[in-house]
C-alpha atoms as a PDB file:
ATOM      1  CA  UNK A   1      11.488  -9.753 -10.285  1.00  0.00           C
ATOM      2  CA  UNK A   2      14.473  -8.530  -8.358  1.00  0.00           C
ATOM      3  CA  UNK A   3      14.861  -6.780  -5.052  1.00  0.00           C
ATOM      4  CA  UNK A   4      16.416  -3.369  -4.536  1.00  0.00           C
ATOM      5  CA  UNK A   5      17.925  -1.916  -1.403  1.00  0.00           C
ATOM      6  CA  UNK A   6      16.435   1.231   0.096  1.00  0.00           C
ATOM      7  CA  UNK A   7      19.343   3.318  -1.178  1.00  0.00           C
ATOM      8  CA  UNK A   8      18.855   2.195  -4.784  1.00  0.00           C
ATOM      9  CA  UNK A   9      15.056   2.300  -4.795  1.00  0.00           C
ATOM     10  CA  UNK A  10      13.652   5.157  -6.834  1.00  0.00           C
ATOM     11  CA  UNK A  11       9.996   6.047  -7.039  1.00  0.00           C
ATOM     12  CA  UNK A  12       8.097   7.203 -10.097  1.00  0.00           C
ATOM     13  CA  UNK A  13       5.381   8.804  -7.968  1.00  0.00           C
ATOM     14  CA  UNK A  14       6.315  11.848  -5.870  1.00  0.00           C
ATOM     15  CA  UNK A  15       3.505  10.816  -3.484  1.00  0.00           C
ATOM     16  CA  UNK A  16       5.122   7.424  -2.924  1.00  0.00           C
ATOM     17  CA  UNK A  17       8.454   9.145  -2.368  1.00  0.00           C
ATOM     18  CA  UNK A  18       6.820  11.446   0.204  1.00  0.00           C
ATOM     19  CA  UNK A  19       5.340   8.565   2.224  1.00  0.00           C
ATOM     20  CA  UNK A  20       8.681   6.757   2.052  1.00  0.00           C
ATOM     21  CA  UNK A  21      10.505   9.857   3.338  1.00  0.00           C
ATOM     22  CA  UNK A  22       7.918  10.521   6.061  1.00  0.00           C
ATOM     23  CA  UNK A  23       8.005   6.930   7.369  1.00  0.00           C
ATOM     24  CA  UNK A  24      11.816   7.040   7.639  1.00  0.00           C
ATOM     25  CA  UNK A  25      11.613  10.468   9.337  1.00  0.00           C
ATOM     26  CA  UNK A  26       9.251   8.931  11.919  1.00  0.00           C
ATOM     27  CA  UNK A  27      11.504   5.913  12.422  1.00  0.00           C
ATOM     28  CA  UNK A  28      14.604   7.992  13.084  1.00  0.00           C
ATOM     29  CA  UNK A  29      13.028  10.888  14.984  1.00  0.00           C
ATOM     30  CA  UNK A  30      11.336   8.575  17.485  1.00  0.00           C
ATOM     31  CA  UNK A  31      14.197   6.085  17.725  1.00  0.00           C
ATOM     32  CA  UNK A  32      11.893   3.166  16.985  1.00  0.00           C
ATOM     33  CA  UNK A  33      12.535   0.153  14.796  1.00  0.00           C
ATOM     34  CA  UNK A  34       8.961   0.528  13.499  1.00  0.00           C
ATOM     35  CA  UNK A  35       7.069   3.797  14.088  1.00  0.00           C
ATOM     36  CA  UNK A  36       3.908   3.608  16.188  1.00  0.00           C
ATOM     37  CA  UNK A  37       0.550   4.187  14.558  1.00  0.00           C
ATOM     38  CA  UNK A  38      -0.158   6.728  17.306  1.00  0.00           C
ATOM     39  CA  UNK A  39       2.880   8.759  16.142  1.00  0.00           C
ATOM     40  CA  UNK A  40       1.649   8.814  12.552  1.00  0.00           C
ATOM     41  CA  UNK A  41       0.414  12.364  11.930  1.00  0.00           C
ATOM     42  CA  UNK A  42      -1.767  12.680   8.806  1.00  0.00           C
ATOM     43  CA  UNK A  43      -1.345  16.473   8.865  1.00  0.00           C
ATOM     44  CA  UNK A  44       2.375  15.990   8.185  1.00  0.00           C
ATOM     45  CA  UNK A  45       1.540  14.438   4.808  1.00  0.00           C
ATOM     46  CA  UNK A  46      -1.738  16.211   4.039  1.00  0.00           C
ATOM     47  CA  UNK A  47      -0.740  16.779   0.400  1.00  0.00           C
ATOM     48  CA  UNK A  48      -0.776  12.992  -0.240  1.00  0.00           C
ATOM     49  CA  UNK A  49      -3.649  11.884   2.031  1.00  0.00           C
ATOM     50  CA  UNK A  50      -6.050  11.531  -0.883  1.00  0.00           C
ATOM     51  CA  UNK A  51      -4.022   8.491  -2.015  1.00  0.00           C
ATOM     52  CA  UNK A  52      -3.548   6.797   1.360  1.00  0.00           C
ATOM     53  CA  UNK A  53      -4.655   3.330   2.434  1.00  0.00           C
ATOM     54  CA  UNK A  54      -4.391   2.110   6.028  1.00  0.00           C
ATOM     55  CA  UNK A  55      -4.596  -1.683   6.325  1.00  0.00           C
ATOM     56  CA  UNK A  56      -5.443  -3.527   9.545  1.00  0.00           C
ATOM     57  CA  UNK A  57      -4.324  -7.168   9.556  1.00  0.00           C
ATOM     58  CA  UNK A  58      -5.433  -7.928  13.131  1.00  0.00           C
ATOM     59  CA  UNK A  59      -8.157 -10.320  11.883  1.00  0.00           C
ATOM     60  CA  UNK A  60      -6.449 -13.445  10.475  1.00  0.00           C
ATOM     61  CA  UNK A  61      -6.896 -13.787   6.720  1.00  0.00           C
ATOM     62  CA  UNK A  62      -8.254 -10.255   6.274  1.00  0.00           C
ATOM     63  CA  UNK A  63      -6.796  -6.867   5.458  1.00  0.00           C
ATOM     64  CA  UNK A  64      -9.460  -4.398   6.547  1.00  0.00           C
ATOM     65  CA  UNK A  65      -9.057  -0.915   5.097  1.00  0.00           C
ATOM     66  CA  UNK A  66      -9.322   1.442   8.078  1.00  0.00           C
ATOM     67  CA  UNK A  67      -8.656   4.524   5.992  1.00  0.00           C
ATOM     68  CA  UNK A  68      -8.923   5.193   2.272  1.00  0.00           C
ATOM     69  CA  UNK A  69      -8.196   8.590   0.788  1.00  0.00           C
ATOM     70  CA  UNK A  70     -10.643  10.460  -1.412  1.00  0.00           C
ATOM     71  CA  UNK A  71      -8.477   9.865  -4.492  1.00  0.00           C
ATOM     72  CA  UNK A  72      -8.753   6.121  -3.907  1.00  0.00           C
ATOM     73  CA  UNK A  73     -12.522   6.370  -3.357  1.00  0.00           C
ATOM     74  CA  UNK A  74     -12.939   8.494  -6.511  1.00  0.00           C
ATOM     75  CA  UNK A  75     -10.961   5.994  -8.562  1.00  0.00           C
ATOM     76  CA  UNK A  76     -13.034   3.071  -7.243  1.00  0.00           C
ATOM     77  CA  UNK A  77     -16.360   4.889  -7.390  1.00  0.00           C
ATOM     78  CA  UNK A  78     -17.050   4.206  -3.690  1.00  0.00           C
ATOM     79  CA  UNK A  79     -15.355   4.458  -0.315  1.00  0.00           C
ATOM     80  CA  UNK A  80     -13.701   1.105   0.506  1.00  0.00           C
ATOM     81  CA  UNK A  81     -13.133   1.995   4.172  1.00  0.00           C
ATOM     82  CA  UNK A  82     -14.138  -0.932   6.387  1.00  0.00           C
ATOM     83  CA  UNK A  83     -13.916  -3.487   3.576  1.00  0.00           C
ATOM     84  CA  UNK A  84     -11.401  -6.269   3.081  1.00  0.00           C
ATOM     85  CA  UNK A  85      -8.755  -5.217   0.553  1.00  0.00           C
ATOM     86  CA  UNK A  86      -8.628  -8.769  -0.798  1.00  0.00           C
ATOM     87  CA  UNK A  87     -12.143  -8.216  -2.251  1.00  0.00           C
ATOM     88  CA  UNK A  88     -10.505  -5.989  -4.866  1.00  0.00           C
ATOM     89  CA  UNK A  89      -7.970  -8.553  -6.060  1.00  0.00           C
ATOM     90  CA  UNK A  90      -8.485 -11.125  -8.824  1.00  0.00           C
ATOM     91  CA  UNK A  91      -9.635 -14.543  -7.581  1.00  0.00           C
ATOM     92  CA  UNK A  92      -6.377 -16.157  -8.631  1.00  0.00           C
ATOM     93  CA  UNK A  93      -4.378 -13.726  -6.432  1.00  0.00           C
ATOM     94  CA  UNK A  94      -6.519 -13.379  -3.292  1.00  0.00           C
ATOM     95  CA  UNK A  95      -4.396 -15.545  -0.999  1.00  0.00           C
ATOM     96  CA  UNK A  96      -1.146 -14.222  -2.495  1.00  0.00           C
ATOM     97  CA  UNK A  97      -2.272 -10.614  -1.999  1.00  0.00           C
ATOM     98  CA  UNK A  98      -3.060 -11.205   1.667  1.00  0.00           C
ATOM     99  CA  UNK A  99       0.171 -13.166   2.178  1.00  0.00           C
ATOM    100  CA  UNK A 100       2.271 -10.349   0.699  1.00  0.00           C
ATOM    101  CA  UNK A 101       0.662  -7.810   3.035  1.00  0.00           C
ATOM    102  CA  UNK A 102       1.149 -10.214   5.933  1.00  0.00           C
ATOM    103  CA  UNK A 103       4.872 -10.481   5.072  1.00  0.00           C
ATOM    104  CA  UNK A 104       5.216  -6.705   5.341  1.00  0.00           C
ATOM    105  CA  UNK A 105       3.559  -6.753   8.763  1.00  0.00           C
ATOM    106  CA  UNK A 106       5.200  -9.857  10.176  1.00  0.00           C
ATOM    107  CA  UNK A 107       8.748  -9.597   8.829  1.00  0.00           C
ATOM    108  CA  UNK A 108       8.527  -6.466   9.147  1.00  0.00           C
ATOM    109  CA  UNK A 109       9.635  -4.659   5.999  1.00  0.00           C
ATOM    110  CA  UNK A 110       8.438  -2.135   3.456  1.00  0.00           C
ATOM    111  CA  UNK A 111       7.109  -2.966   0.027  1.00  0.00           C
ATOM    112  CA  UNK A 112       6.868  -1.205  -3.322  1.00  0.00           C
ATOM    113  CA  UNK A 113       4.592  -2.633  -6.001  1.00  0.00           C
ATOM    114  CA  UNK A 114       3.826  -1.639  -9.575  1.00  0.00           C
ATOM    115  CA  UNK A 115       0.251  -2.752 -10.329  1.00  0.00           C
ATOM    116  CA  UNK A 116      -2.027  -2.858 -13.343  1.00  0.00           C
ATOM    117  CA  UNK A 117      -5.601  -2.101 -12.293  1.00  0.00           C
ATOM    118  CA  UNK A 118      -8.557  -3.106 -14.457  1.00  0.00           C
ATOM    119  CA  UNK A 119     -11.942  -1.492 -13.788  1.00  0.00           C
ATOM    120  CA  UNK A 120     -15.420  -2.405 -14.979  1.00  0.00           C
ATOM    121  CA  UNK A 121     -15.628   1.128 -16.406  1.00  0.00           C
ATOM    122  CA  UNK A 122     -12.920   0.243 -18.913  1.00  0.00           C
ATOM    123  CA  UNK A 123     -10.185   2.163 -17.104  1.00  0.00           C
ATOM    124  CA  UNK A 124      -6.874   0.384 -17.147  1.00  0.00           C
ATOM    125  CA  UNK A 125      -4.044   2.032 -15.290  1.00  0.00           C
ATOM    126  CA  UNK A 126      -0.641   1.393 -13.830  1.00  0.00           C
ATOM    127  CA  UNK A 127      -0.094   2.492 -10.258  1.00  0.00           C
ATOM    128  CA  UNK A 128       2.851   2.603  -7.937  1.00  0.00           C
ATOM    129  CA  UNK A 129       2.185   1.645  -4.360  1.00  0.00           C
ATOM    130  CA  UNK A 130       4.543   1.821  -1.397  1.00  0.00           C
ATOM    131  CA  UNK A 131       3.790   0.783   2.144  1.00  0.00           C
ATOM    132  CA  UNK A 132       5.332   0.315   5.552  1.00  0.00           C
ATOM    133  CA  UNK A 133       4.315  -1.249   8.857  1.00  0.00           C
ATOM    134  CA  UNK A 134       3.199   0.746  11.870  1.00  0.00           C
ATOM    135  CA  UNK A 135       3.242  -0.754  15.339  1.00  0.00           C
ATOM    136  CA  UNK A 136       0.351  -0.644  17.737  1.00  0.00           C
ATOM    137  CA  UNK A 137       0.949   0.634  21.260  1.00  0.00           C
ATOM    138  CA  UNK A 138       1.160  -3.067  22.232  1.00  0.00           C
ATOM    139  CA  UNK A 139       4.125  -3.492  19.890  1.00  0.00           C
ATOM    140  CA  UNK A 140       2.581  -5.660  17.176  1.00  0.00           C
ATOM    141  CA  UNK A 141       2.844  -4.696  13.523  1.00  0.00           C
ATOM    142  CA  UNK A 142      -0.618  -5.380  12.152  1.00  0.00           C
ATOM    143  CA  UNK A 143      -1.128  -1.879  10.692  1.00  0.00           C
ATOM    144  CA  UNK A 144       0.247  -0.961   7.270  1.00  0.00           C
ATOM    145  CA  UNK A 145       0.201   2.458   5.646  1.00  0.00           C
ATOM    146  CA  UNK A 146       0.327   2.642   1.846  1.00  0.00           C
ATOM    147  CA  UNK A 147       0.168   5.269  -0.856  1.00  0.00           C
ATOM    148  CA  UNK A 148      -1.274   4.092  -4.175  1.00  0.00           C
ATOM    149  CA  UNK A 149      -0.809   6.532  -7.032  1.00  0.00           C
ATOM    150  CA  UNK A 150      -1.678   6.169 -10.718  1.00  0.00           C
ATOM    151  CA  UNK A 151       1.432   6.674 -12.824  1.00  0.00           C
ATOM    152  CA  UNK A 152      -0.005   5.746 -16.223  1.00  0.00           C
ATOM    153  CA  UNK A 153      -3.516   5.565 -17.701  1.00  0.00           C
ATOM    154  CA  UNK A 154      -3.664   3.014 -20.451  1.00  0.00           C
ATOM    155  CA  UNK A 155      -7.317   3.116 -21.449  1.00  0.00           C
ATOM    156  CA  UNK A 156     -10.451   4.891 -20.337  1.00  0.00           C
ATOM    157  CA  UNK A 157     -14.057   4.333 -21.426  1.00  0.00           C
ATOM    158  CA  UNK A 158     -16.272   6.429 -19.169  1.00  0.00           C
ATOM    159  CA  UNK A 159     -19.162   4.480 -17.697  1.00  0.00           C
ATOM    160  CA  UNK A 160     -20.920   4.808 -14.380  1.00  0.00           C
ATOM    161  CA  UNK A 161     -19.460   1.634 -12.867  1.00  0.00           C
ATOM    162  CA  UNK A 162     -15.895   2.250 -11.708  1.00  0.00           C
ATOM    163  CA  UNK A 163     -15.591  -0.979  -9.709  1.00  0.00           C
ATOM    164  CA  UNK A 164     -12.059  -2.386  -9.672  1.00  0.00           C
ATOM    165  CA  UNK A 165     -12.233  -6.020 -10.642  1.00  0.00           C
ATOM    166  CA  UNK A 166      -8.637  -7.059 -11.135  1.00  0.00           C
ATOM    167  CA  UNK A 167      -5.145  -6.070 -10.050  1.00  0.00           C
ATOM    168  CA  UNK A 168      -2.042  -7.563 -11.656  1.00  0.00           C
ATOM    169  CA  UNK A 169       1.423  -7.193 -10.127  1.00  0.00           C
ATOM    170  CA  UNK A 170       4.097  -6.058 -12.589  1.00  0.00           C
ATOM    171  CA  UNK A 171       6.911  -5.663 -10.070  1.00  0.00           C
ATOM    172  CA  UNK A 172       7.400  -6.086  -6.325  1.00  0.00           C
ATOM    173  CA  UNK A 173      10.323  -4.799  -4.253  1.00  0.00           C
ATOM    174  CA  UNK A 174      10.732  -5.418  -0.538  1.00  0.00           C
ATOM    175  CA  UNK A 175      12.345  -2.629   1.442  1.00  0.00           C
ATOM    176  CA  UNK A 176      14.705  -3.504   4.293  1.00  0.00           C
ATOM    177  CA  UNK A 177      13.836  -1.442   7.383  1.00  0.00           C
ATOM    178  CA  UNK A 178      16.414  -3.150   9.590  1.00  0.00           C
ATOM    179  CA  UNK A 179      15.187  -6.752   9.737  1.00  0.00           C
ATOM    180  CA  UNK A 180      16.144  -7.933   6.242  1.00  0.00           C
ATOM    181  CA  UNK A 181      13.552  -8.815   3.633  1.00  0.00           C
ATOM    182  CA  UNK A 182      11.531 -11.900   2.740  1.00  0.00           C
ATOM    183  CA  UNK A 183      12.615 -13.994  -0.190  1.00  0.00           C
ATOM    184  CA  UNK A 184      10.818 -13.268  -3.430  1.00  0.00           C
ATOM    185  CA  UNK A 185       8.586 -16.120  -4.569  1.00  0.00           C
END
């Protein structure tokens, strides 16, 4: 894996590009190093809300999904709001998945990931996901906003159970938002 700067990063998904653009608009329009969650206006990105995930890392070791768009819920077969994101990651990656989200919040930085998702229904897809930190009114960065958008369906065998049971990372890029980026493992 290699890291790209913000200027050289290109997105496959127009939805990911839109969240990226909106986050930077917020950053510059409000003069903040990290935009506040309270300044985040879902109506400004209503055309991509169905693919949004809002993570809350305020509980150590957990990434609680405070918001999951209808496109995410449809893909999973249920609404994951209120659940720990790490539940949806393969056992061998659980701690790594949390640690990567924690890096985004604590560094802070943005992150783009290309993932392979495997579902019990037989669906296998590739998705692009991009996310950025949002600060609370207290100034901490434990909120993350992500867009996760399918960019390629590899296989689909329709069954009732859509449960995601494994995510595999193909590529990860950190995005410098003014504080540098973590080292890639």
